[in-house]
Amino acid sequence: MNEGHLYRVHDSRSRIDDALELAAPVNQGPLGPAVAGAWAAVEALLSHPDDPQDSERSGKAVAADRLAAIIACSWPRAELTALAHRHKPQQADDLSERLAVCRTNLERASHTADALSVSGAGILDFSGARTKHSDRPAAERMAALLANPRRVLNEVMNTYRIALRRLYRTLNIVLHGGATQGVALHASLRTAAPLVGAGLDRVVHADQLHRLAPLDLAARAEVALRLVGGGETGLSVVKLLEPT
């Protein structure tokens, strides 16, 4: 909607349109169709016929790993942007003055990341924010990330990967076992659904803004996770999915 595409209707449908339709039951459908639709959307966008069949990342499960990499790379910028908007000191400080003149969320996230890198989580003042009790741990998470971005991002990616692979295994229980009321369905969907939503959001954004295919976005994310934190690259945590 922010990019002006909500009402841009035309005759042709893309693979992303189909994936969003498959994922629709996640919002309000029964557990079985929700699990099946969520995974079908992921698999449709992030699997390829040439994917390896004889390794740990074999078969369709590789789509979970690719989505996990995309979400992990999008996390720092989203969190830093939220913190930038919630930094509300009673008296204006240098950071709030710099944030006030920013025109984009990328600029806001970059200024917030710079302040956290230099001064730590204490530089942010959430006393005027309604979410101050959750904002402080978020600021500490971002400070820890900026201190060691490669390690933290890969830990986060692995956590997402486990949740999304659990969704894949749950799909097999539903489709191959015919168990639509299994005890694992609700727990699996509860953890995976927000991740699928966040990943699809990034996929749509990359397609609409940069005409970047989902598999290309996943490749960019996987490369960024290897390069971030290296002094020779200078790759910022707020630009992990940005075109170079």
Protein backbone atom coordinates (compact mmCIF):
# COMPACT_ATOMS: atom_id res chain seq x y z
CA MET A 1 0.00 0.00 0.00
CA ASN A 2 2.81 2.43 0.85
CA GLU A 3 4.30 1.91 -2.62
CA GLY A 4 1.01 2.64 -4.41
CA HIS A 5 0.35 -0.89 -5.66
CA LEU A 6 -2.77 -1.80 -3.65
CA TYR A 7 -5.24 -0.80 -6.36
CA ARG A 8 -3.02 -1.55 -9.34
CA VAL A 9 -5.10 -4.35 -10.87
CA HIS A 10 -4.24 -6.02 -14.16
CA ASP A 11 -5.05 -9.25 -15.95
CA SER A 12 -1.83 -11.17 -15.35
CA ARG A 13 -1.10 -12.91 -12.05
CA SER A 14 2.37 -13.54 -10.73
CA ARG A 15 3.72 -16.40 -8.66
CA ILE A 16 3.68 -14.03 -5.68
CA ASP A 17 -0.06 -13.38 -6.15
CA ASP A 18 -0.67 -17.12 -6.10
CA ALA A 19 1.47 -17.55 -2.98
CA LEU A 20 -0.44 -14.85 -1.12
CA GLU A 21 -3.70 -16.57 -2.00
CA LEU A 22 -2.33 -19.89 -0.73
CA ALA A 23 -1.31 -18.25 2.55
CA ALA A 24 -4.72 -16.59 3.10
CA PRO A 25 -6.09 -19.37 5.41
CA VAL A 26 -3.39 -18.50 7.96
CA ASN A 27 -5.45 -15.45 8.96
CA GLN A 28 -8.71 -17.19 9.79
CA GLY A 29 -8.85 -20.69 8.35
CA PRO A 30 -8.93 -24.07 10.11
CA LEU A 31 -5.58 -25.41 11.33
CA GLY A 32 -5.11 -27.96 8.57
CA PRO A 33 -5.63 -25.62 5.59
CA ALA A 34 -3.68 -22.89 7.40
CA VAL A 35 -0.62 -25.12 7.82
CA ALA A 36 -0.91 -26.45 4.27
CA GLY A 37 -1.41 -22.99 2.77
CA ALA A 38 1.40 -21.38 4.73
CA TRP A 39 3.94 -23.97 3.65
CA ALA A 40 2.65 -24.07 0.07
CA ALA A 41 3.26 -20.32 -0.20
CA VAL A 42 6.82 -20.69 1.10
CA GLU A 43 7.61 -23.66 -1.12
CA ALA A 44 6.13 -22.05 -4.23
CA LEU A 45 8.36 -18.98 -3.89
CA LEU A 46 11.58 -20.36 -2.44
CA SER A 47 12.16 -23.82 -3.88
CA HIS A 48 13.71 -24.71 -7.22
CA PRO A 49 13.82 -27.91 -9.30
CA ASP A 50 17.64 -27.92 -9.11
CA ASP A 51 17.76 -27.89 -5.30
CA PRO A 52 20.05 -30.63 -3.90
CA GLN A 53 18.47 -33.92 -2.91
CA ASP A 54 21.29 -35.56 -0.98
CA SER A 55 22.31 -33.15 1.77
CA GLU A 56 21.04 -31.59 4.98
CA ARG A 57 19.27 -28.93 2.95
CA SER A 58 17.67 -31.52 0.69
CA GLY A 59 14.26 -31.43 -0.89
CA LYS A 60 11.68 -28.77 -0.22
CA ALA A 61 12.92 -28.05 3.32
CA VAL A 62 15.55 -25.77 1.82
CA ALA A 63 12.74 -23.23 1.33
CA ALA A 64 12.52 -22.90 5.12
CA ASP A 65 16.21 -22.06 5.32
CA ARG A 66 15.90 -19.43 2.62
CA LEU A 67 12.93 -17.77 4.27
CA ALA A 68 14.73 -17.81 7.62
CA ALA A 69 17.68 -15.96 6.06
CA ILE A 70 15.38 -13.31 4.55
CA ILE A 71 13.59 -12.70 7.86
CA ALA A 72 16.84 -12.58 9.85
CA CYS A 73 18.25 -9.95 7.50
CA SER A 74 15.09 -7.84 7.71
CA TRP A 75 14.90 -7.97 11.51
CA PRO A 76 17.57 -5.35 12.46
CA ARG A 77 16.17 -2.60 10.27
CA ALA A 78 12.60 -3.22 11.43
CA GLU A 79 13.59 -3.20 15.09
CA LEU A 80 15.85 -0.16 14.78
CA THR A 81 13.14 1.77 12.92
CA ALA A 82 10.64 1.07 15.69
CA LEU A 83 13.16 2.16 18.34
CA ALA A 84 13.88 5.36 16.42
CA HIS A 85 10.19 6.30 16.48
CA ARG A 86 9.92 5.51 20.20
CA HIS A 87 12.96 7.50 21.31
CA LYS A 88 11.13 10.32 23.11
CA PRO A 89 13.37 12.18 25.58
CA GLN A 90 11.73 14.91 27.64
CA GLN A 91 14.39 17.30 26.38
CA ALA A 92 15.67 17.05 22.84
CA ASP A 93 19.07 15.43 22.51
CA ASP A 94 21.45 15.06 19.57
CA LEU A 95 19.87 11.80 18.41
CA SER A 96 16.29 13.07 18.53
CA GLU A 97 17.32 16.16 16.56
CA ARG A 98 18.94 14.01 13.89
CA LEU A 99 15.91 11.74 13.76
CA ALA A 100 13.55 14.70 13.40
CA VAL A 101 15.04 15.68 10.05
CA CYS A 102 15.14 12.17 8.60
CA ARG A 103 12.99 11.59 5.55
CA THR A 104 13.15 7.80 5.36
CA ASN A 105 13.08 4.90 7.78
CA LEU A 106 16.44 3.78 6.44
CA GLU A 107 17.96 7.04 7.67
CA ARG A 108 16.24 6.69 11.06
CA ALA A 109 17.45 3.13 11.49
CA SER A 110 21.00 4.10 10.49
CA HIS A 111 21.19 6.97 12.98
CA THR A 112 19.80 4.75 15.74
CA ALA A 113 22.31 2.01 14.94
CA ASP A 114 25.18 4.50 15.03
CA ALA A 115 24.07 5.83 18.43
CA LEU A 116 23.72 2.32 19.88
CA SER A 117 27.14 1.31 18.55
CA VAL A 118 28.83 4.28 20.23
CA SER A 119 26.88 4.66 23.46
CA GLY A 120 24.97 1.43 24.04
CA ALA A 121 21.29 0.90 24.83
CA GLY A 122 21.27 3.67 27.46
CA ILE A 123 21.39 6.32 24.75
CA LEU A 124 17.72 5.69 23.92
CA ASP A 125 15.06 7.28 26.12
CA PHE A 126 11.63 5.63 26.05
CA SER A 127 10.12 7.49 28.99
CA GLY A 128 7.54 9.09 26.71
CA ALA A 129 6.61 5.89 24.88
CA ARG A 130 3.69 3.65 25.82
CA THR A 131 5.78 0.59 24.98
CA LYS A 132 8.74 1.60 27.14
CA HIS A 133 8.85 -1.68 29.09
CA SER A 134 9.33 -3.74 25.92
CA ASP A 135 11.45 -1.12 24.16
CA ARG A 136 14.30 -1.35 26.66
CA PRO A 137 14.96 -5.10 26.05
CA ALA A 138 14.67 -4.43 22.31
CA ALA A 139 17.33 -1.73 22.55
CA GLU A 140 19.59 -4.11 24.46
CA ARG A 141 19.07 -6.78 21.79
CA MET A 142 20.08 -4.31 19.10
CA ALA A 143 23.15 -3.21 21.05
CA ALA A 144 24.22 -6.85 21.37
CA LEU A 145 23.59 -7.38 17.67
CA LEU A 146 25.70 -4.38 16.68
CA ALA A 147 28.54 -5.60 18.90
CA ASN A 148 28.71 -8.94 17.07
CA PRO A 149 26.37 -8.88 14.07
CA ARG A 150 27.47 -12.06 12.32
CA ARG A 151 27.13 -14.29 15.37
CA VAL A 152 23.82 -12.83 16.56
CA LEU A 153 22.22 -12.81 13.12
CA ASN A 154 23.17 -16.42 12.48
CA GLU A 155 21.77 -17.43 15.88
CA VAL A 156 18.52 -15.65 15.03
CA MET A 157 18.44 -17.23 11.57
CA ASN A 158 18.88 -20.70 13.07
CA THR A 159 15.99 -20.07 15.48
CA TYR A 160 13.74 -19.04 12.59
CA ARG A 161 14.95 -22.03 10.59
CA ILE A 162 13.87 -24.46 13.32
CA ALA A 163 10.38 -22.94 13.51
CA LEU A 164 9.91 -23.00 9.74
CA ARG A 165 11.21 -26.55 9.36
CA ARG A 166 8.76 -27.57 12.07
CA LEU A 167 6.02 -26.11 9.87
CA TYR A 168 7.27 -28.30 7.02
CA ARG A 169 7.16 -31.43 9.18
CA THR A 170 3.69 -30.49 10.41
CA LEU A 171 2.55 -30.19 6.81
CA ASN A 172 3.59 -33.80 6.25
CA ILE A 173 1.51 -34.84 9.27
CA VAL A 174 -1.51 -33.07 7.79
CA LEU A 175 -1.22 -34.12 4.16
CA HIS A 176 0.34 -37.56 4.44
CA GLY A 177 -1.03 -38.60 7.82
CA GLY A 178 -4.44 -37.02 7.47
CA ALA A 179 -4.21 -35.63 11.00
CA THR A 180 -5.94 -32.26 11.03
CA GLN A 181 -6.28 -32.04 14.82
CA GLY A 182 -2.78 -33.09 15.88
CA VAL A 183 -1.36 -31.58 19.04
CA ALA A 184 1.58 -30.11 17.11
CA LEU A 185 -0.50 -28.12 14.63
CA HIS A 186 -1.47 -25.21 16.84
CA ALA A 187 1.99 -24.79 18.37
CA SER A 188 3.70 -25.01 15.00
CA LEU A 189 1.39 -22.50 13.38
CA ARG A 190 1.57 -20.12 16.35
CA THR A 191 5.35 -19.78 15.97
CA ALA A 192 5.61 -20.05 12.19
CA ALA A 193 2.68 -17.87 11.04
CA PRO A 194 4.26 -14.52 12.06
CA LEU A 195 7.51 -15.59 10.38
CA VAL A 196 5.75 -16.55 7.17
CA GLY A 197 3.93 -13.21 7.22
CA ALA A 198 7.15 -11.27 7.76
CA GLY A 199 8.91 -13.21 5.02
CA LEU A 200 6.12 -12.73 2.50
CA ASP A 201 6.11 -9.02 3.32
CA ARG A 202 9.80 -8.78 2.40
CA VAL A 203 9.30 -10.85 -0.75
CA VAL A 204 6.48 -8.59 -1.93
CA HIS A 205 8.47 -5.46 -1.06
CA ALA A 206 11.51 -6.66 -3.03
CA ASP A 207 9.34 -7.54 -6.01
CA GLN A 208 7.39 -4.29 -6.07
CA LEU A 209 10.26 -1.94 -5.31
CA HIS A 210 13.29 -3.60 -6.92
CA ARG A 211 11.78 -6.23 -9.26
CA LEU A 212 13.81 -8.81 -7.37
CA ALA A 213 12.65 -12.43 -7.59
CA PRO A 214 12.15 -14.35 -4.30
CA LEU A 215 15.06 -16.73 -4.93
CA ASP A 216 17.32 -13.79 -5.75
CA LEU A 217 16.28 -12.09 -2.51
CA ALA A 218 17.09 -15.28 -0.60
CA ALA A 219 20.51 -15.47 -2.26
CA ARG A 220 21.18 -11.85 -1.29
CA ALA A 221 20.21 -12.61 2.31
CA GLU A 222 22.46 -15.68 2.52
CA VAL A 223 25.42 -13.72 1.17
CA ALA A 224 24.72 -10.84 3.58
CA LEU A 225 24.77 -13.21 6.56
CA ARG A 226 28.26 -14.31 5.53
CA LEU A 227 29.58 -10.79 4.91
CA VAL A 228 28.08 -8.77 7.75
CA GLY A 229 30.48 -7.93 10.53
CA GLY A 230 33.50 -8.19 8.28
CA GLY A 231 35.62 -5.08 8.37
CA GLU A 232 36.51 -5.44 4.72
CA THR A 233 32.91 -5.17 3.51
CA GLY A 234 31.48 -2.47 5.75
CA LEU A 235 28.01 -3.99 5.32
CA SER A 236 25.57 -2.32 7.70
CA VAL A 237 22.92 -4.32 9.53
CA VAL A 238 20.27 -1.91 8.24
CA LYS A 239 21.18 -2.57 4.58
CA LEU A 240 21.38 -6.35 4.48
CA LEU A 241 18.62 -6.66 1.87
CA GLU A 242 19.31 -3.40 0.05
CA PRO A 243 20.61 -3.50 -3.53
CA THR A 244 24.30 -2.67 -3.70
